[in-house]
Amino acid sequence: MTVNDTWTDPEKLGWARVLVHLPDTGAQTRQAKYKVLNTDSSSAERVVEQRAGRWVSLGVFHFKGTPKVELSNNTEDGTADEDIAWGPSPSSPSPANRKT
């Protein structure tokens, strides 16, 4: 029952803020772990409560390659039996002096 998903940005961005959309329905877990890939960040994982209906910033990252974000429904608070849901992760360019 485990579902893994990867979103890939079609362009290389350098510094960028990563956003994810949490739909109003279909998202139950309180510990959705997003992994931001191809970045030089030492803390590229973010845990987000899914019960929302809003856009959430995962932070600003310096990408060294094609920006990617991974998400799985196999979380710390369950065994892949709680739903996760997310929309595309648009990235917006950010100034180089902003890093989280």
PDB file of N, CA and C in Angstrom:
ATOM      1  N   MET A   1       0.801  -1.209   0.000  1.00  0.00           N
ATOM      2  CA  MET A   1       0.000   0.000   0.000  1.00  0.00           C
ATOM      3  C   MET A   1       0.840   1.269   0.000  1.00  0.00           C
ATOM      4  N   THR A   2       2.142   1.144  -0.015  1.00  0.00           N
ATOM      5  CA  THR A   2       2.984   2.330  -0.029  1.00  0.00           C
ATOM      6  C   THR A   2       2.973   2.979  -1.405  1.00  0.00           C
ATOM      7  N   VAL A   3       2.790   4.297  -1.406  1.00  0.00           N
ATOM      8  CA  VAL A   3       2.825   5.073  -2.639  1.00  0.00           C
ATOM      9  C   VAL A   3       3.896   6.142  -2.479  1.00  0.00           C
ATOM     10  N   ASN A   4       4.836   6.169  -3.408  1.00  0.00           N
ATOM     11  CA  ASN A   4       5.879   7.190  -3.438  1.00  0.00           C
ATOM     12  C   ASN A   4       5.666   8.049  -4.672  1.00  0.00           C
ATOM     13  N   ASP A   5       5.880   9.348  -4.545  1.00  0.00           N
ATOM     14  CA  ASP A   5       5.701  10.252  -5.672  1.00  0.00           C
ATOM     15  C   ASP A   5       6.867  11.222  -5.709  1.00  0.00           C
ATOM     16  N   THR A   6       7.299  11.563  -6.909  1.00  0.00           N
ATOM     17  CA  THR A   6       8.356  12.551  -7.091  1.00  0.00           C
ATOM     18  C   THR A   6       7.881  13.594  -8.079  1.00  0.00           C
ATOM     19  N   TRP A   7       8.009  14.845  -7.698  1.00  0.00           N
ATOM     20  CA  TRP A   7       7.701  15.955  -8.591  1.00  0.00           C
ATOM     21  C   TRP A   7       9.018  16.554  -9.043  1.00  0.00           C
ATOM     22  N   THR A   8       9.158  16.793 -10.342  1.00  0.00           N
ATOM     23  CA  THR A   8      10.386  17.351 -10.907  1.00  0.00           C
ATOM     24  C   THR A   8      10.081  18.685 -11.570  1.00  0.00           C
ATOM     25  N   ASP A   9      10.841  19.714 -11.204  1.00  0.00           N
ATOM     26  CA  ASP A   9      10.689  21.013 -11.843  1.00  0.00           C
ATOM     27  C   ASP A   9      11.308  20.939 -13.234  1.00  0.00           C
ATOM     28  N   PRO A  10      10.654  21.469 -14.243  1.00  0.00           N
ATOM     29  CA  PRO A  10      11.192  21.369 -15.600  1.00  0.00           C
ATOM     30  C   PRO A  10      12.403  22.256 -15.874  1.00  0.00           C
ATOM     31  N   GLU A  11      12.744  23.148 -14.958  1.00  0.00           N
ATOM     32  CA  GLU A  11      13.893  24.016 -15.204  1.00  0.00           C
ATOM     33  C   GLU A  11      14.835  24.048 -14.013  1.00  0.00           C
ATOM     34  N   LYS A  12      16.092  24.346 -14.276  1.00  0.00           N
ATOM     35  CA  LYS A  12      17.073  24.498 -13.208  1.00  0.00           C
ATOM     36  C   LYS A  12      16.955  25.909 -12.656  1.00  0.00           C
ATOM     37  N   LEU A  13      16.968  26.028 -11.320  1.00  0.00           N
ATOM     38  CA  LEU A  13      16.618  27.299 -10.700  1.00  0.00           C
ATOM     39  C   LEU A  13      17.708  27.966  -9.876  1.00  0.00           C
ATOM     40  N   GLY A  14      18.730  27.270  -9.432  1.00  0.00           N
ATOM     41  CA  GLY A  14      19.663  27.866  -8.479  1.00  0.00           C
ATOM     42  C   GLY A  14      18.985  27.981  -7.127  1.00  0.00           C
ATOM     43  N   TRP A  15      18.839  29.214  -6.611  1.00  0.00           N
ATOM     44  CA  TRP A  15      18.116  29.448  -5.364  1.00  0.00           C
ATOM     45  C   TRP A  15      16.629  29.541  -5.648  1.00  0.00           C
ATOM     46  N   ALA A  16      15.806  28.824  -4.877  1.00  0.00           N
ATOM     47  CA  ALA A  16      14.357  28.872  -5.101  1.00  0.00           C
ATOM     48  C   ALA A  16      13.598  28.473  -3.843  1.00  0.00           C
ATOM     49  N   ARG A  17      12.411  29.040  -3.686  1.00  0.00           N
ATOM     50  CA  ARG A  17      11.485  28.644  -2.618  1.00  0.00           C
ATOM     51  C   ARG A  17      10.611  27.524  -3.170  1.00  0.00           C
ATOM     52  N   VAL A  18      10.428  26.466  -2.382  1.00  0.00           N
ATOM     53  CA  VAL A  18       9.619  25.323  -2.797  1.00  0.00           C
ATOM     54  C   VAL A  18       8.294  25.365  -2.051  1.00  0.00           C
ATOM     55  N   LEU A  19       7.206  25.311  -2.797  1.00  0.00           N
ATOM     56  CA  LEU A  19       5.856  25.327  -2.244  1.00  0.00           C
ATOM     57  C   LEU A  19       5.143  24.035  -2.610  1.00  0.00           C
ATOM     58  N   VAL A  20       4.298  23.545  -1.708  1.00  0.00           N
ATOM     59  CA  VAL A  20       3.448  22.390  -2.006  1.00  0.00           C
ATOM     60  C   VAL A  20       2.010  22.751  -1.666  1.00  0.00           C
ATOM     61  N   HIS A  21       1.087  22.218  -2.449  1.00  0.00           N
ATOM     62  CA  HIS A  21      -0.325  22.467  -2.202  1.00  0.00           C
ATOM     63  C   HIS A  21      -0.923  21.291  -1.450  1.00  0.00           C
ATOM     64  N   LEU A  22      -1.616  21.575  -0.351  1.00  0.00           N
ATOM     65  CA  LEU A  22      -2.299  20.556   0.431  1.00  0.00           C
ATOM     66  C   LEU A  22      -3.789  20.695   0.172  1.00  0.00           C
ATOM     67  N   PRO A  23      -4.395  19.754  -0.560  1.00  0.00           N
ATOM     68  CA  PRO A  23      -5.816  19.857  -0.895  1.00  0.00           C
ATOM     69  C   PRO A  23      -6.712  19.803   0.340  1.00  0.00           C
ATOM     70  N   ASP A  24      -7.964  20.238   0.155  1.00  0.00           N
ATOM     71  CA  ASP A  24      -8.951  20.217   1.244  1.00  0.00           C
ATOM     72  C   ASP A  24      -9.310  18.795   1.660  1.00  0.00           C
ATOM     73  N   THR A  25      -9.305  17.862   0.727  1.00  0.00           N
ATOM     74  CA  THR A  25      -9.690  16.481   1.019  1.00  0.00           C
ATOM     75  C   THR A  25      -8.602  15.520   0.540  1.00  0.00           C
ATOM     76  N   GLY A  26      -8.636  14.310   1.078  1.00  0.00           N
ATOM     77  CA  GLY A  26      -7.717  13.270   0.640  1.00  0.00           C
ATOM     78  C   GLY A  26      -6.370  13.296   1.318  1.00  0.00           C
ATOM     79  N   ALA A  27      -6.218  14.089   2.357  1.00  0.00           N
ATOM     80  CA  ALA A  27      -4.949  14.178   3.061  1.00  0.00           C
ATOM     81  C   ALA A  27      -5.207  14.023   4.555  1.00  0.00           C
ATOM     82  N   GLN A  28      -4.652  12.984   5.166  1.00  0.00           N
ATOM     83  CA  GLN A  28      -4.962  12.685   6.562  1.00  0.00           C
ATOM     84  C   GLN A  28      -3.761  12.658   7.492  1.00  0.00           C
ATOM     85  N   THR A  29      -2.607  12.271   6.998  1.00  0.00           N
ATOM     86  CA  THR A  29      -1.473  12.087   7.889  1.00  0.00           C
ATOM     87  C   THR A  29      -1.017  13.409   8.511  1.00  0.00           C
ATOM     88  N   ARG A  30      -0.493  13.316   9.710  1.00  0.00           N
ATOM     89  CA  ARG A  30       0.067  14.502  10.378  1.00  0.00           C
ATOM     90  C   ARG A  30       1.575  14.574  10.214  1.00  0.00           C
ATOM     91  N   GLN A  31       2.165  13.580   9.546  1.00  0.00           N
ATOM     92  CA  GLN A  31       3.624  13.530   9.436  1.00  0.00           C
ATOM     93  C   GLN A  31       4.072  13.230   8.009  1.00  0.00           C
ATOM     94  N   ALA A  32       3.618  14.017   7.067  1.00  0.00           N
ATOM     95  CA  ALA A  32       4.056  13.852   5.679  1.00  0.00           C
ATOM     96  C   ALA A  32       5.478  14.380   5.565  1.00  0.00           C
ATOM     97  N   LYS A  33       6.406  13.510   5.185  1.00  0.00           N
ATOM     98  CA  LYS A  33       7.811  13.911   5.085  1.00  0.00           C
ATOM     99  C   LYS A  33       8.172  14.188   3.628  1.00  0.00           C
ATOM    100  N   TYR A  34       8.444  15.449   3.351  1.00  0.00           N
ATOM    101  CA  TYR A  34       8.868  15.872   2.028  1.00  0.00           C
ATOM    102  C   TYR A  34      10.392  15.862   1.990  1.00  0.00           C
ATOM    103  N   LYS A  35      10.950  15.326   0.916  1.00  0.00           N
ATOM    104  CA  LYS A  35      12.393  15.332   0.719  1.00  0.00           C
ATOM    105  C   LYS A  35      12.691  16.190  -0.505  1.00  0.00           C
ATOM    106  N   VAL A  36      13.463  17.252  -0.307  1.00  0.00           N
ATOM    107  CA  VAL A  36      13.845  18.139  -1.391  1.00  0.00           C
ATOM    108  C   VAL A  36      15.201  17.653  -1.895  1.00  0.00           C
ATOM    109  N   LEU A  37      15.243  17.265  -3.176  1.00  0.00           N
ATOM    110  CA  LEU A  37      16.435  16.634  -3.745  1.00  0.00           C
ATOM    111  C   LEU A  37      17.222  17.590  -4.649  1.00  0.00           C
ATOM    112  N   ASN A  38      18.489  17.244  -4.847  1.00  0.00           N
ATOM    113  CA  ASN A  38      19.416  17.991  -5.696  1.00  0.00           C
ATOM    114  C   ASN A  38      19.709  19.385  -5.153  1.00  0.00           C
ATOM    115  N   THR A  39      19.818  19.453  -3.832  1.00  0.00           N
ATOM    116  CA  THR A  39      20.146  20.707  -3.163  1.00  0.00           C
ATOM    117  C   THR A  39      21.378  20.485  -2.286  1.00  0.00           C
ATOM    118  N   ASP A  40      22.060  21.553  -1.955  1.00  0.00           N
ATOM    119  CA  ASP A  40      23.218  21.418  -1.074  1.00  0.00           C
ATOM    120  C   ASP A  40      22.841  21.628   0.396  1.00  0.00           C
ATOM    121  N   SER A  41      21.556  21.655   0.699  1.00  0.00           N
ATOM    122  CA  SER A  41      21.081  21.844   2.067  1.00  0.00           C
ATOM    123  C   SER A  41      21.441  20.645   2.938  1.00  0.00           C
ATOM    124  N   SER A  42      21.817  20.908   4.177  1.00  0.00           N
ATOM    125  CA  SER A  42      22.092  19.819   5.122  1.00  0.00           C
ATOM    126  C   SER A  42      20.822  19.363   5.824  1.00  0.00           C
ATOM    127  N   SER A  43      19.706  20.069   5.603  1.00  0.00           N
ATOM    128  CA  SER A  43      18.423  19.682   6.196  1.00  0.00           C
ATOM    129  C   SER A  43      17.329  19.830   5.144  1.00  0.00           C
ATOM    130  N   ALA A  44      17.324  18.931   4.186  1.00  0.00           N
ATOM    131  CA  ALA A  44      16.415  19.023   3.042  1.00  0.00           C
ATOM    132  C   ALA A  44      15.128  18.230   3.232  1.00  0.00           C
ATOM    133  N   GLU A  45      14.821  17.821   4.465  1.00  0.00           N
ATOM    134  CA  GLU A  45      13.562  17.132   4.746  1.00  0.00           C
ATOM    135  C   GLU A  45      12.673  18.039   5.582  1.00  0.00           C
ATOM    136  N   ARG A  46      11.381  18.038   5.247  1.00  0.00           N
ATOM    137  CA  ARG A  46      10.400  18.822   5.993  1.00  0.00           C
ATOM    138  C   ARG A  46       9.210  17.932   6.295  1.00  0.00           C
ATOM    139  N   VAL A  47       8.691  17.997   7.526  1.00  0.00           N
ATOM    140  CA  VAL A  47       7.501  17.242   7.916  1.00  0.00           C
ATOM    141  C   VAL A  47       6.351  18.240   8.037  1.00  0.00           C
ATOM    142  N   VAL A  48       5.241  17.919   7.367  1.00  0.00           N
ATOM    143  CA  VAL A  48       4.099  18.834   7.292  1.00  0.00           C
ATOM    144  C   VAL A  48       2.825  18.086   7.655  1.00  0.00           C
ATOM    145  N   GLU A  49       1.991  18.712   8.480  1.00  0.00           N
ATOM    146  CA  GLU A  49       0.667  18.153   8.752  1.00  0.00           C
ATOM    147  C   GLU A  49      -0.189  18.356   7.513  1.00  0.00           C
ATOM    148  N   GLN A  50      -0.776  17.269   7.020  1.00  0.00           N
ATOM    149  CA  GLN A  50      -1.506  17.301   5.756  1.00  0.00           C
ATOM    150  C   GLN A  50      -2.890  17.918   5.849  1.00  0.00           C
ATOM    151  N   ARG A  51      -3.498  17.961   6.983  1.00  0.00           N
ATOM    152  CA  ARG A  51      -4.887  18.442   7.081  1.00  0.00           C
ATOM    153  C   ARG A  51      -4.919  19.957   6.890  1.00  0.00           C
ATOM    154  N   ALA A  52      -5.173  20.383   5.672  1.00  0.00           N
ATOM    155  CA  ALA A  52      -5.008  21.802   5.422  1.00  0.00           C
ATOM    156  C   ALA A  52      -5.988  22.374   4.407  1.00  0.00           C
ATOM    157  N   GLY A  53      -5.597  22.455   3.172  1.00  0.00           N
ATOM    158  CA  GLY A  53      -6.329  23.168   2.139  1.00  0.00           C
ATOM    159  C   GLY A  53      -5.659  24.496   1.862  1.00  0.00           C
ATOM    160  N   ARG A  54      -4.347  24.450   1.695  1.00  0.00           N
ATOM    161  CA  ARG A  54      -3.561  25.678   1.532  1.00  0.00           C
ATOM    162  C   ARG A  54      -2.226  25.353   0.873  1.00  0.00           C
ATOM    163  N   TRP A  55      -1.480  26.396   0.523  1.00  0.00           N
ATOM    164  CA  TRP A  55      -0.112  26.253   0.044  1.00  0.00           C
ATOM    165  C   TRP A  55       0.823  26.352   1.245  1.00  0.00           C
ATOM    166  N   VAL A  56       1.858  25.525   1.273  1.00  0.00           N
ATOM    167  CA  VAL A  56       2.830  25.519   2.357  1.00  0.00           C
ATOM    168  C   VAL A  56       4.230  25.650   1.756  1.00  0.00           C
ATOM    169  N   SER A  57       5.030  26.527   2.332  1.00  0.00           N
ATOM    170  CA  SER A  57       6.421  26.668   1.906  1.00  0.00           C
ATOM    171  C   SER A  57       7.276  25.633   2.622  1.00  0.00           C
ATOM    172  N   LEU A  58       8.069  24.906   1.869  1.00  0.00           N
ATOM    173  CA  LEU A  58       9.036  23.979   2.470  1.00  0.00           C
ATOM    174  C   LEU A  58      10.355  24.684   2.755  1.00  0.00           C
ATOM    175  N   GLY A  59      10.517  25.897   2.255  1.00  0.00           N
ATOM    176  CA  GLY A  59      11.723  26.672   2.502  1.00  0.00           C
ATOM    177  C   GLY A  59      12.404  27.092   1.218  1.00  0.00           C
ATOM    178  N   VAL A  60      13.526  27.769   1.384  1.00  0.00           N
ATOM    179  CA  VAL A  60      14.345  28.218   0.259  1.00  0.00           C
ATOM    180  C   VAL A  60      15.563  27.317   0.185  1.00  0.00           C
ATOM    181  N   PHE A  61      15.848  26.818  -1.005  1.00  0.00           N
ATOM    182  CA  PHE A  61      16.938  25.872  -1.197  1.00  0.00           C
ATOM    183  C   PHE A  61      17.840  26.321  -2.346  1.00  0.00           C
ATOM    184  N   HIS A  62      19.114  25.943  -2.259  1.00  0.00           N
ATOM    185  CA  HIS A  62      20.061  26.171  -3.350  1.00  0.00           C
ATOM    186  C   HIS A  62      20.193  24.858  -4.111  1.00  0.00           C
ATOM    187  N   PHE A  63      19.647  24.828  -5.319  1.00  0.00           N
ATOM    188  CA  PHE A  63      19.660  23.607  -6.112  1.00  0.00           C
ATOM    189  C   PHE A  63      20.931  23.495  -6.928  1.00  0.00           C
ATOM    190  N   LYS A  64      21.517  22.306  -6.914  1.00  0.00           N
ATOM    191  CA  LYS A  64      22.731  21.996  -7.673  1.00  0.00           C
ATOM    192  C   LYS A  64      22.417  21.221  -8.942  1.00  0.00           C
ATOM    193  N   GLY A  65      21.150  20.939  -9.163  1.00  0.00           N
ATOM    194  CA  GLY A  65      20.691  20.200 -10.332  1.00  0.00           C
ATOM    195  C   GLY A  65      19.213  20.445 -10.509  1.00  0.00           C
ATOM    196  N   THR A  66      18.552  19.543 -11.173  1.00  0.00           N
ATOM    197  CA  THR A  66      17.119  19.668 -11.412  1.00  0.00           C
ATOM    198  C   THR A  66      16.359  19.547 -10.091  1.00  0.00           C
ATOM    199  N   PRO A  67      15.552  20.553  -9.715  1.00  0.00           N
ATOM    200  CA  PRO A  67      14.797  20.500  -8.466  1.00  0.00           C
ATOM    201  C   PRO A  67      13.786  19.352  -8.467  1.00  0.00           C
ATOM    202  N   LYS A  68      13.771  18.580  -7.376  1.00  0.00           N
ATOM    203  CA  LYS A  68      12.823  17.479  -7.210  1.00  0.00           C
ATOM    204  C   LYS A  68      12.336  17.465  -5.769  1.00  0.00           C
ATOM    205  N   VAL A  69      11.080  17.031  -5.587  1.00  0.00           N
ATOM    206  CA  VAL A  69      10.499  16.868  -4.258  1.00  0.00           C
ATOM    207  C   VAL A  69       9.852  15.494  -4.209  1.00  0.00           C
ATOM    208  N   GLU A  70      10.162  14.725  -3.170  1.00  0.00           N
ATOM    209  CA  GLU A  70       9.580  13.393  -2.976  1.00  0.00           C
ATOM    210  C   GLU A  70       8.627  13.398  -1.800  1.00  0.00           C
ATOM    211  N   LEU A  71       7.603  12.558  -1.896  1.00  0.00           N
ATOM    212  CA  LEU A  71       6.660  12.369  -0.805  1.00  0.00           C
ATOM    213  C   LEU A  71       6.171  10.928  -0.838  1.00  0.00           C
ATOM    214  N   SER A  72       6.007  10.320   0.344  1.00  0.00           N
ATOM    215  CA  SER A  72       5.509   8.954   0.466  1.00  0.00           C
ATOM    216  C   SER A  72       4.383   8.910   1.481  1.00  0.00           C
ATOM    217  N   ASN A  73       3.460   7.956   1.314  1.00  0.00           N
ATOM    218  CA  ASN A  73       2.411   7.805   2.321  1.00  0.00           C
ATOM    219  C   ASN A  73       2.845   6.883   3.449  1.00  0.00           C
ATOM    220  N   ASN A  74       4.054   6.382   3.408  1.00  0.00           N
ATOM    221  CA  ASN A  74       4.609   5.572   4.486  1.00  0.00           C
ATOM    222  C   ASN A  74       5.249   6.536   5.487  1.00  0.00           C
ATOM    223  N   THR A  75       4.518   6.863   6.554  1.00  0.00           N
ATOM    224  CA  THR A  75       4.946   7.902   7.488  1.00  0.00           C
ATOM    225  C   THR A  75       5.170   7.333   8.886  1.00  0.00           C
ATOM    226  N   GLU A  76       5.732   8.148   9.757  1.00  0.00           N
ATOM    227  CA  GLU A  76       6.021   7.739  11.132  1.00  0.00           C
ATOM    228  C   GLU A  76       4.749   7.453  11.937  1.00  0.00           C
ATOM    229  N   ASP A  77       3.626   8.078  11.549  1.00  0.00           N
ATOM    230  CA  ASP A  77       2.398   7.906  12.324  1.00  0.00           C
ATOM    231  C   ASP A  77       1.461   6.850  11.734  1.00  0.00           C
ATOM    232  N   GLY A  78       1.961   6.042  10.823  1.00  0.00           N
ATOM    233  CA  GLY A  78       1.100   5.023  10.226  1.00  0.00           C
ATOM    234  C   GLY A  78       1.902   3.993   9.454  1.00  0.00           C
ATOM    235  N   THR A  79       1.180   3.154   8.773  1.00  0.00           N
ATOM    236  CA  THR A  79       1.817   2.095   7.988  1.00  0.00           C
ATOM    237  C   THR A  79       1.309   2.151   6.557  1.00  0.00           C
ATOM    238  N   ALA A  80       1.327   3.333   5.971  1.00  0.00           N
ATOM    239  CA  ALA A  80       0.882   3.577   4.595  1.00  0.00           C
ATOM    240  C   ALA A  80      -0.622   3.412   4.442  1.00  0.00           C
ATOM    241  N   ASP A  81      -1.374   3.519   5.546  1.00  0.00           N
ATOM    242  CA  ASP A  81      -2.820   3.384   5.438  1.00  0.00           C
ATOM    243  C   ASP A  81      -3.558   4.718   5.583  1.00  0.00           C
ATOM    244  N   GLU A  82      -2.847   5.805   5.868  1.00  0.00           N
ATOM    245  CA  GLU A  82      -3.458   7.130   5.877  1.00  0.00           C
ATOM    246  C   GLU A  82      -3.147   7.796   4.542  1.00  0.00           C
ATOM    247  N   ASP A  83      -4.126   8.508   4.008  1.00  0.00           N
ATOM    248  CA  ASP A  83      -3.966   9.144   2.710  1.00  0.00           C
ATOM    249  C   ASP A  83      -3.038  10.348   2.787  1.00  0.00           C
ATOM    250  N   ILE A  84      -2.317  10.539   1.697  1.00  0.00           N
ATOM    251  CA  ILE A  84      -1.580  11.778   1.485  1.00  0.00           C
ATOM    252  C   ILE A  84      -2.097  12.364   0.193  1.00  0.00           C
ATOM    253  N   ALA A  85      -1.993  13.650   0.056  1.00  0.00           N
ATOM    254  CA  ALA A  85      -2.399  14.316  -1.172  1.00  0.00           C
ATOM    255  C   ALA A  85      -1.568  15.575  -1.312  1.00  0.00           C
ATOM    256  N   TRP A  86      -1.196  15.873  -2.540  1.00  0.00           N
ATOM    257  CA  TRP A  86      -0.459  17.105  -2.767  1.00  0.00           C
ATOM    258  C   TRP A  86      -0.541  17.494  -4.216  1.00  0.00           C
ATOM    259  N   GLY A  87      -0.442  18.779  -4.443  1.00  0.00           N
ATOM    260  CA  GLY A  87      -0.418  19.302  -5.794  1.00  0.00           C
ATOM    261  C   GLY A  87       1.013  19.555  -6.201  1.00  0.00           C
ATOM    262  N   PRO A  88       1.211  20.036  -7.411  1.00  0.00           N
ATOM    263  CA  PRO A  88       2.563  20.333  -7.879  1.00  0.00           C
ATOM    264  C   PRO A  88       3.291  21.266  -6.930  1.00  0.00           C
ATOM    265  N   SER A  89       4.594  21.201  -6.965  1.00  0.00           N
ATOM    266  CA  SER A  89       5.443  22.010  -6.097  1.00  0.00           C
ATOM    267  C   SER A  89       6.102  23.110  -6.915  1.00  0.00           C
ATOM    268  N   PRO A  90       5.385  24.182  -7.203  1.00  0.00           N
ATOM    269  CA  PRO A  90       6.035  25.229  -7.976  1.00  0.00           C
ATOM    270  C   PRO A  90       7.157  25.857  -7.172  1.00  0.00           C
ATOM    271  N   SER A  91       8.223  26.145  -7.846  1.00  0.00           N
ATOM    272  CA  SER A  91       9.359  26.777  -7.204  1.00  0.00           C
ATOM    273  C   SER A  91       9.479  28.195  -7.743  1.00  0.00           C
ATOM    274  N   SER A  92       9.754  29.113  -6.864  1.00  0.00           N
ATOM    275  CA  SER A  92       9.926  30.487  -7.294  1.00  0.00           C
ATOM    276  C   SER A  92      11.344  30.916  -6.982  1.00  0.00           C
ATOM    277  N   PRO A  93      12.013  31.544  -7.960  1.00  0.00           N
ATOM    278  CA  PRO A  93      13.386  31.998  -7.720  1.00  0.00           C
ATOM    279  C   PRO A  93      13.453  32.907  -6.502  1.00  0.00           C
ATOM    280  N   SER A  94      14.526  32.788  -5.740  1.00  0.00           N
ATOM    281  CA  SER A  94      14.729  33.590  -4.535  1.00  0.00           C
ATOM    282  C   SER A  94      16.133  34.170  -4.546  1.00  0.00           C
ATOM    283  N   PRO A  95      16.315  35.294  -3.839  1.00  0.00           N
ATOM    284  CA  PRO A  95      17.661  35.878  -3.742  1.00  0.00           C
ATOM    285  C   PRO A  95      18.643  34.884  -3.119  1.00  0.00           C
ATOM    286  N   ALA A  96      19.887  34.960  -3.529  1.00  0.00           N
ATOM    287  CA  ALA A  96      20.917  34.034  -3.061  1.00  0.00           C
ATOM    288  C   ALA A  96      21.223  34.160  -1.576  1.00  0.00           C
ATOM    289  N   ASN A  97      20.868  35.243  -0.943  1.00  0.00           N
ATOM    290  CA  ASN A  97      21.189  35.425   0.479  1.00  0.00           C
ATOM    291  C   ASN A  97      20.119  34.857   1.410  1.00  0.00           C
ATOM    292  N   ARG A  98      19.101  34.184   0.873  1.00  0.00           N
ATOM    293  CA  ARG A  98      18.031  33.618   1.702  1.00  0.00           C
ATOM    294  C   ARG A  98      18.134  32.108   1.656  1.00  0.00           C
ATOM    295  N   LYS A  99      18.578  31.482   2.744  1.00  0.00           N
ATOM    296  CA  LYS A  99      18.712  30.017   2.786  1.00  0.00           C
ATOM    297  C   LYS A  99      18.131  29.506   4.087  1.00  0.00           C
ATOM    298  N   THR A 100      17.336  28.410   4.003  1.00  0.00           N
ATOM    299  CA  THR A 100      16.811  27.763   5.204  1.00  0.00           C
ATOM    300  C   THR A 100      17.156  26.304   5.164  1.00  0.00           C
TER     301      THR A 100
END
